[in-house]
Amino acid sequence: MPRYELTYLLGNSVSDDQLETVIAEILSIVESFGAKNIETENLGKKKLAYAIKQTKNGTYVTMTFDLPQEQVQKLDAKIRTMKNTVIRYLLINITDHLKRLAKDKIIQANLPKRENQEEEKAA
């Protein structure tokens, strides 16, 4: 089962009192799609670089979990419908990412070194 990471941003419409309730609601949604080994981390409230839907501050939450691949699109669609609470989210496949990273390291190790690198270090 692939490992996924879901990072989402909760807007101003979610008060500090409701925060734990909303996080628990999203956790139950993820569990309902068959996720296992769920880890949740509240990264706290941060100022955004630019306003999103008239929101200048948002609470970031990251979840990692194992999920059957056929359930990913359904989970994505469900989170997309939570427009009142989740203003942005990112769902990535960590397993695929780590495989690509390992391939890239092998390719980079086999590349010839640039001649200018030695000159740049000396300067």
N, C-alpha and C. Protein backbone atom coordinates (compact mmCIF):
# COMPACT_ATOMS: atom_id res chain seq x y z
N MET A 1 0.86 -1.17 0.00
CA MET A 1 0.00 0.00 0.00
C MET A 1 0.91 1.24 0.00
N PRO A 2 0.69 2.18 -0.93
CA PRO A 2 1.53 3.38 -0.99
C PRO A 2 1.31 4.30 0.21
N ARG A 3 2.35 5.07 0.52
CA ARG A 3 2.30 6.04 1.62
C ARG A 3 2.03 7.41 1.02
N TYR A 4 1.12 8.15 1.63
CA TYR A 4 0.74 9.47 1.14
C TYR A 4 0.93 10.51 2.23
N GLU A 5 1.10 11.75 1.78
CA GLU A 5 1.16 12.88 2.70
C GLU A 5 0.12 13.90 2.27
N LEU A 6 -0.70 14.30 3.21
CA LEU A 6 -1.73 15.31 2.97
C LEU A 6 -1.40 16.51 3.86
N THR A 7 -1.15 17.64 3.22
CA THR A 7 -0.93 18.88 3.95
C THR A 7 -2.06 19.82 3.57
N TYR A 8 -2.75 20.36 4.55
CA TYR A 8 -3.86 21.24 4.26
C TYR A 8 -3.81 22.49 5.12
N LEU A 9 -4.47 23.53 4.62
CA LEU A 9 -4.49 24.84 5.25
C LEU A 9 -5.92 25.17 5.64
N LEU A 10 -6.12 25.43 6.92
CA LEU A 10 -7.44 25.81 7.42
C LEU A 10 -7.51 27.32 7.52
N GLY A 11 -8.60 27.89 7.05
CA GLY A 11 -8.76 29.33 7.01
C GLY A 11 -9.27 29.94 8.30
N ASN A 12 -9.54 31.24 8.23
CA ASN A 12 -10.03 31.99 9.39
C ASN A 12 -11.42 31.55 9.82
N SER A 13 -12.16 30.90 8.94
CA SER A 13 -13.51 30.46 9.30
C SER A 13 -13.49 29.42 10.42
N VAL A 14 -12.32 28.79 10.63
CA VAL A 14 -12.16 27.81 11.71
C VAL A 14 -11.52 28.52 12.90
N SER A 15 -12.28 28.66 13.97
CA SER A 15 -11.74 29.32 15.17
C SER A 15 -10.82 28.34 15.92
N ASP A 16 -10.08 28.89 16.86
CA ASP A 16 -9.16 28.06 17.65
C ASP A 16 -9.92 27.00 18.45
N ASP A 17 -11.14 27.31 18.86
CA ASP A 17 -11.95 26.35 19.60
C ASP A 17 -12.39 25.18 18.72
N GLN A 18 -12.64 25.45 17.45
CA GLN A 18 -13.11 24.42 16.52
C GLN A 18 -11.98 23.64 15.87
N LEU A 19 -10.76 24.07 16.06
CA LEU A 19 -9.62 23.50 15.35
C LEU A 19 -9.49 21.99 15.53
N GLU A 20 -9.50 21.53 16.76
CA GLU A 20 -9.36 20.10 17.03
C GLU A 20 -10.52 19.30 16.45
N THR A 21 -11.71 19.87 16.47
CA THR A 21 -12.88 19.20 15.92
C THR A 21 -12.74 19.01 14.41
N VAL A 22 -12.26 20.05 13.71
CA VAL A 22 -12.10 19.98 12.26
C VAL A 22 -10.99 18.99 11.90
N ILE A 23 -9.90 19.01 12.64
CA ILE A 23 -8.80 18.06 12.39
C ILE A 23 -9.30 16.63 12.61
N ALA A 24 -10.08 16.40 13.66
CA ALA A 24 -10.65 15.07 13.91
C ALA A 24 -11.62 14.67 12.81
N GLU A 25 -12.37 15.62 12.27
CA GLU A 25 -13.31 15.33 11.19
C GLU A 25 -12.56 14.89 9.92
N ILE A 26 -11.49 15.60 9.60
CA ILE A 26 -10.69 15.23 8.42
C ILE A 26 -10.01 13.89 8.65
N LEU A 27 -9.56 13.64 9.87
CA LEU A 27 -8.96 12.34 10.20
C LEU A 27 -9.97 11.22 10.00
N SER A 28 -11.21 11.43 10.42
CA SER A 28 -12.23 10.39 10.25
C SER A 28 -12.56 10.18 8.77
N ILE A 29 -12.49 11.25 7.97
CA ILE A 29 -12.71 11.11 6.52
C ILE A 29 -11.61 10.25 5.91
N VAL A 30 -10.36 10.53 6.28
CA VAL A 30 -9.23 9.76 5.76
C VAL A 30 -9.35 8.29 6.18
N GLU A 31 -9.74 8.05 7.43
CA GLU A 31 -9.92 6.69 7.91
C GLU A 31 -11.05 5.98 7.17
N SER A 32 -12.10 6.71 6.80
CA SER A 32 -13.24 6.09 6.13
C SER A 32 -12.89 5.57 4.74
N PHE A 33 -11.81 6.08 4.15
CA PHE A 33 -11.37 5.60 2.85
C PHE A 33 -10.38 4.44 2.97
N GLY A 34 -10.13 3.97 4.19
CA GLY A 34 -9.29 2.79 4.39
C GLY A 34 -7.84 3.09 4.69
N ALA A 35 -7.55 4.28 5.17
CA ALA A 35 -6.16 4.63 5.49
C ALA A 35 -5.69 3.91 6.76
N LYS A 36 -4.43 3.54 6.76
CA LYS A 36 -3.80 2.89 7.91
C LYS A 36 -2.56 3.67 8.32
N ASN A 37 -2.06 3.43 9.53
CA ASN A 37 -0.83 4.05 10.04
C ASN A 37 -0.87 5.57 9.88
N ILE A 38 -1.89 6.19 10.41
CA ILE A 38 -2.09 7.63 10.24
C ILE A 38 -1.31 8.39 11.31
N GLU A 39 -0.55 9.39 10.85
CA GLU A 39 0.16 10.28 11.75
C GLU A 39 -0.26 11.71 11.42
N THR A 40 -0.67 12.46 12.43
CA THR A 40 -1.14 13.83 12.23
C THR A 40 -0.26 14.79 13.01
N GLU A 41 0.09 15.90 12.36
CA GLU A 41 0.91 16.92 13.03
C GLU A 41 0.32 18.30 12.72
N ASN A 42 -0.03 19.01 13.77
CA ASN A 42 -0.52 20.38 13.64
C ASN A 42 0.70 21.30 13.62
N LEU A 43 0.95 21.97 12.49
CA LEU A 43 2.12 22.83 12.35
C LEU A 43 1.88 24.24 12.86
N GLY A 44 0.65 24.54 13.24
CA GLY A 44 0.33 25.82 13.85
C GLY A 44 -0.15 26.87 12.87
N LYS A 45 -0.47 28.03 13.44
CA LYS A 45 -0.99 29.14 12.65
C LYS A 45 0.17 29.98 12.15
N LYS A 46 0.13 30.31 10.85
CA LYS A 46 1.19 31.11 10.25
C LYS A 46 0.57 32.17 9.35
N LYS A 47 1.33 33.25 9.18
CA LYS A 47 0.90 34.31 8.27
C LYS A 47 1.17 33.86 6.84
N LEU A 48 0.18 34.06 5.96
CA LEU A 48 0.32 33.66 4.58
C LEU A 48 1.07 34.74 3.79
N ALA A 49 1.74 34.32 2.72
CA ALA A 49 2.47 35.27 1.88
C ALA A 49 1.51 36.21 1.16
N TYR A 50 0.34 35.73 0.84
CA TYR A 50 -0.69 36.55 0.21
C TYR A 50 -2.05 36.04 0.68
N ALA A 51 -3.03 36.91 0.62
CA ALA A 51 -4.37 36.55 1.10
C ALA A 51 -5.02 35.53 0.17
N ILE A 52 -5.61 34.50 0.76
CA ILE A 52 -6.35 33.49 0.02
C ILE A 52 -7.78 33.54 0.54
N LYS A 53 -8.71 33.87 -0.34
CA LYS A 53 -10.13 33.98 0.04
C LYS A 53 -10.30 34.88 1.27
N GLN A 54 -9.64 36.03 1.24
CA GLN A 54 -9.68 37.03 2.29
C GLN A 54 -9.14 36.51 3.62
N THR A 55 -8.24 35.53 3.56
CA THR A 55 -7.62 34.97 4.75
C THR A 55 -6.14 35.33 4.74
N LYS A 56 -5.67 35.97 5.82
CA LYS A 56 -4.26 36.36 5.90
C LYS A 56 -3.45 35.43 6.78
N ASN A 57 -4.12 34.69 7.66
CA ASN A 57 -3.46 33.71 8.53
C ASN A 57 -4.16 32.37 8.37
N GLY A 58 -3.38 31.30 8.45
CA GLY A 58 -3.98 29.98 8.33
C GLY A 58 -3.26 28.96 9.19
N THR A 59 -3.94 27.90 9.51
CA THR A 59 -3.38 26.82 10.31
C THR A 59 -3.00 25.68 9.38
N TYR A 60 -1.75 25.26 9.44
CA TYR A 60 -1.24 24.17 8.61
C TYR A 60 -1.29 22.85 9.39
N VAL A 61 -1.76 21.80 8.73
CA VAL A 61 -1.82 20.47 9.33
C VAL A 61 -1.28 19.47 8.30
N THR A 62 -0.44 18.55 8.75
CA THR A 62 0.13 17.52 7.88
C THR A 62 -0.26 16.15 8.40
N MET A 63 -0.69 15.28 7.47
CA MET A 63 -1.03 13.90 7.81
C MET A 63 -0.26 12.98 6.87
N THR A 64 0.28 11.89 7.40
CA THR A 64 0.88 10.85 6.57
C THR A 64 0.14 9.56 6.87
N PHE A 65 -0.09 8.77 5.81
CA PHE A 65 -0.88 7.56 5.98
C PHE A 65 -0.67 6.63 4.79
N ASP A 66 -0.99 5.36 5.00
CA ASP A 66 -1.01 4.36 3.93
C ASP A 66 -2.45 4.27 3.43
N LEU A 67 -2.61 4.30 2.09
CA LEU A 67 -3.95 4.31 1.52
C LEU A 67 -3.95 3.50 0.23
N PRO A 68 -4.97 2.66 0.03
CA PRO A 68 -5.06 1.95 -1.25
C PRO A 68 -5.13 2.95 -2.41
N GLN A 69 -4.42 2.65 -3.47
CA GLN A 69 -4.30 3.59 -4.58
C GLN A 69 -5.63 3.93 -5.23
N GLU A 70 -6.55 2.98 -5.24
CA GLU A 70 -7.84 3.23 -5.88
C GLU A 70 -8.72 4.20 -5.08
N GLN A 71 -8.36 4.49 -3.84
CA GLN A 71 -9.15 5.39 -2.99
C GLN A 71 -8.67 6.85 -3.04
N VAL A 72 -7.53 7.10 -3.69
CA VAL A 72 -6.92 8.43 -3.67
C VAL A 72 -7.81 9.47 -4.34
N GLN A 73 -8.36 9.15 -5.49
CA GLN A 73 -9.21 10.11 -6.20
C GLN A 73 -10.47 10.43 -5.41
N LYS A 74 -11.02 9.45 -4.74
CA LYS A 74 -12.22 9.69 -3.92
C LYS A 74 -11.90 10.60 -2.74
N LEU A 75 -10.74 10.36 -2.10
CA LEU A 75 -10.33 11.21 -0.98
C LEU A 75 -10.07 12.63 -1.48
N ASP A 76 -9.42 12.76 -2.61
CA ASP A 76 -9.14 14.06 -3.20
C ASP A 76 -10.43 14.82 -3.47
N ALA A 77 -11.41 14.14 -4.02
CA ALA A 77 -12.71 14.78 -4.31
C ALA A 77 -13.41 15.21 -3.02
N LYS A 78 -13.33 14.40 -1.99
CA LYS A 78 -13.99 14.72 -0.71
C LYS A 78 -13.35 15.95 -0.07
N ILE A 79 -12.03 16.03 -0.09
CA ILE A 79 -11.35 17.19 0.50
C ILE A 79 -11.65 18.45 -0.31
N ARG A 80 -11.74 18.31 -1.62
CA ARG A 80 -12.03 19.45 -2.48
C ARG A 80 -13.39 20.06 -2.17
N THR A 81 -14.33 19.27 -1.67
CA THR A 81 -15.67 19.78 -1.36
C THR A 81 -15.73 20.52 -0.02
N MET A 82 -14.66 20.48 0.75
CA MET A 82 -14.64 21.15 2.06
C MET A 82 -14.16 22.60 1.91
N LYS A 83 -14.79 23.35 1.04
CA LYS A 83 -14.33 24.70 0.71
C LYS A 83 -14.45 25.68 1.87
N ASN A 84 -15.36 25.45 2.79
CA ASN A 84 -15.55 26.38 3.91
C ASN A 84 -14.43 26.30 4.94
N THR A 85 -13.80 25.14 5.06
CA THR A 85 -12.76 24.99 6.08
C THR A 85 -11.36 24.85 5.47
N VAL A 86 -11.18 23.98 4.50
CA VAL A 86 -9.87 23.75 3.88
C VAL A 86 -9.76 24.69 2.68
N ILE A 87 -8.81 25.66 2.76
CA ILE A 87 -8.70 26.61 1.66
C ILE A 87 -7.62 26.20 0.65
N ARG A 88 -6.65 25.40 1.06
CA ARG A 88 -5.65 24.84 0.16
C ARG A 88 -5.22 23.48 0.72
N TYR A 89 -4.83 22.56 -0.19
CA TYR A 89 -4.32 21.28 0.26
C TYR A 89 -3.39 20.71 -0.80
N LEU A 90 -2.55 19.78 -0.38
CA LEU A 90 -1.63 19.10 -1.28
C LEU A 90 -1.56 17.65 -0.84
N LEU A 91 -1.86 16.75 -1.77
CA LEU A 91 -1.84 15.31 -1.50
C LEU A 91 -0.79 14.69 -2.42
N ILE A 92 0.27 14.15 -1.82
CA ILE A 92 1.35 13.57 -2.63
C ILE A 92 1.61 12.12 -2.24
N ASN A 93 2.12 11.36 -3.19
CA ASN A 93 2.49 9.96 -2.98
C ASN A 93 3.97 9.94 -2.57
N ILE A 94 4.25 9.70 -1.32
CA ILE A 94 5.62 9.72 -0.81
C ILE A 94 6.42 8.56 -1.38
N THR A 95 5.79 7.41 -1.57
CA THR A 95 6.48 6.22 -2.09
C THR A 95 7.05 6.51 -3.47
N ASP A 96 6.24 7.06 -4.38
CA ASP A 96 6.72 7.40 -5.72
C ASP A 96 7.79 8.47 -5.67
N HIS A 97 7.60 9.46 -4.80
CA HIS A 97 8.57 10.54 -4.67
C HIS A 97 9.94 10.01 -4.26
N LEU A 98 9.99 9.10 -3.30
CA LEU A 98 11.27 8.55 -2.85
C LEU A 98 11.94 7.70 -3.93
N LYS A 99 11.13 6.99 -4.73
CA LYS A 99 11.68 6.21 -5.84
C LYS A 99 12.32 7.13 -6.87
N ARG A 100 11.62 8.22 -7.23
CA ARG A 100 12.17 9.17 -8.20
C ARG A 100 13.42 9.85 -7.66
N LEU A 101 13.43 10.15 -6.38
CA LEU A 101 14.59 10.78 -5.77
C LEU A 101 15.81 9.87 -5.84
N ALA A 102 15.61 8.58 -5.57
CA ALA A 102 16.72 7.62 -5.64
C ALA A 102 17.25 7.51 -7.07
N LYS A 103 16.35 7.48 -8.07
CA LYS A 103 16.79 7.42 -9.47
C LYS A 103 17.57 8.68 -9.84
N ASP A 104 17.11 9.83 -9.39
CA ASP A 104 17.78 11.09 -9.70
C ASP A 104 19.19 11.13 -9.11
N LYS A 105 19.35 10.61 -7.90
CA LYS A 105 20.68 10.59 -7.28
C LYS A 105 21.64 9.72 -8.07
N ILE A 106 21.16 8.58 -8.57
CA ILE A 106 22.01 7.70 -9.37
C ILE A 106 22.41 8.39 -10.67
N ILE A 107 21.46 9.03 -11.31
CA ILE A 107 21.75 9.73 -12.57
C ILE A 107 22.74 10.87 -12.33
N GLN A 108 22.56 11.63 -11.27
CA GLN A 108 23.45 12.75 -10.98
C GLN A 108 24.86 12.28 -10.63
N ALA A 109 24.96 11.13 -9.97
CA ALA A 109 26.27 10.60 -9.62
C ALA A 109 27.03 10.17 -10.87
N ASN A 110 26.33 9.74 -11.91
CA ASN A 110 26.97 9.28 -13.15
C ASN A 110 27.26 10.41 -14.14
N LEU A 111 26.77 11.61 -13.88
CA LEU A 111 27.02 12.73 -14.77
C LEU A 111 28.48 13.18 -14.67
N PRO A 112 29.07 13.58 -15.78
CA PRO A 112 30.45 14.09 -15.69
C PRO A 112 30.46 15.44 -14.96
N LYS A 113 31.53 15.68 -14.23
CA LYS A 113 31.64 16.94 -13.50
C LYS A 113 31.97 18.06 -14.47
N ARG A 114 31.45 19.23 -14.18
CA ARG A 114 31.73 20.39 -15.01
C ARG A 114 33.15 20.87 -14.77
N GLU A 115 33.78 21.36 -15.81
CA GLU A 115 35.15 21.86 -15.68
C GLU A 115 35.18 23.17 -14.92
N ASN A 116 34.11 23.93 -14.99
CA ASN A 116 34.05 25.24 -14.34
C ASN A 116 33.92 25.14 -12.83
N GLN A 117 33.56 23.98 -12.31
CA GLN A 117 33.39 23.83 -10.85
C GLN A 117 34.69 24.10 -10.13
N GLU A 118 35.80 23.59 -10.64
CA GLU A 118 37.09 23.80 -9.98
C GLU A 118 37.49 25.27 -10.03
N GLU A 119 37.21 25.94 -11.15
CA GLU A 119 37.54 27.34 -11.27
C GLU A 119 36.67 28.20 -10.34
N GLU A 120 35.39 27.82 -10.18
CA GLU A 120 34.50 28.55 -9.31
C GLU A 120 34.91 28.43 -7.85
N LYS A 121 35.40 27.26 -7.45
CA LYS A 121 35.84 27.05 -6.08
C LYS A 121 37.08 27.88 -5.77
N ALA A 122 37.97 28.02 -6.74
CA ALA A 122 39.19 28.76 -6.55
C ALA A 122 38.91 30.26 -6.45
N ALA A 123 37.87 30.73 -7.08
CA ALA A 123 37.57 32.17 -7.10
C ALA A 123 36.95 32.65 -5.85
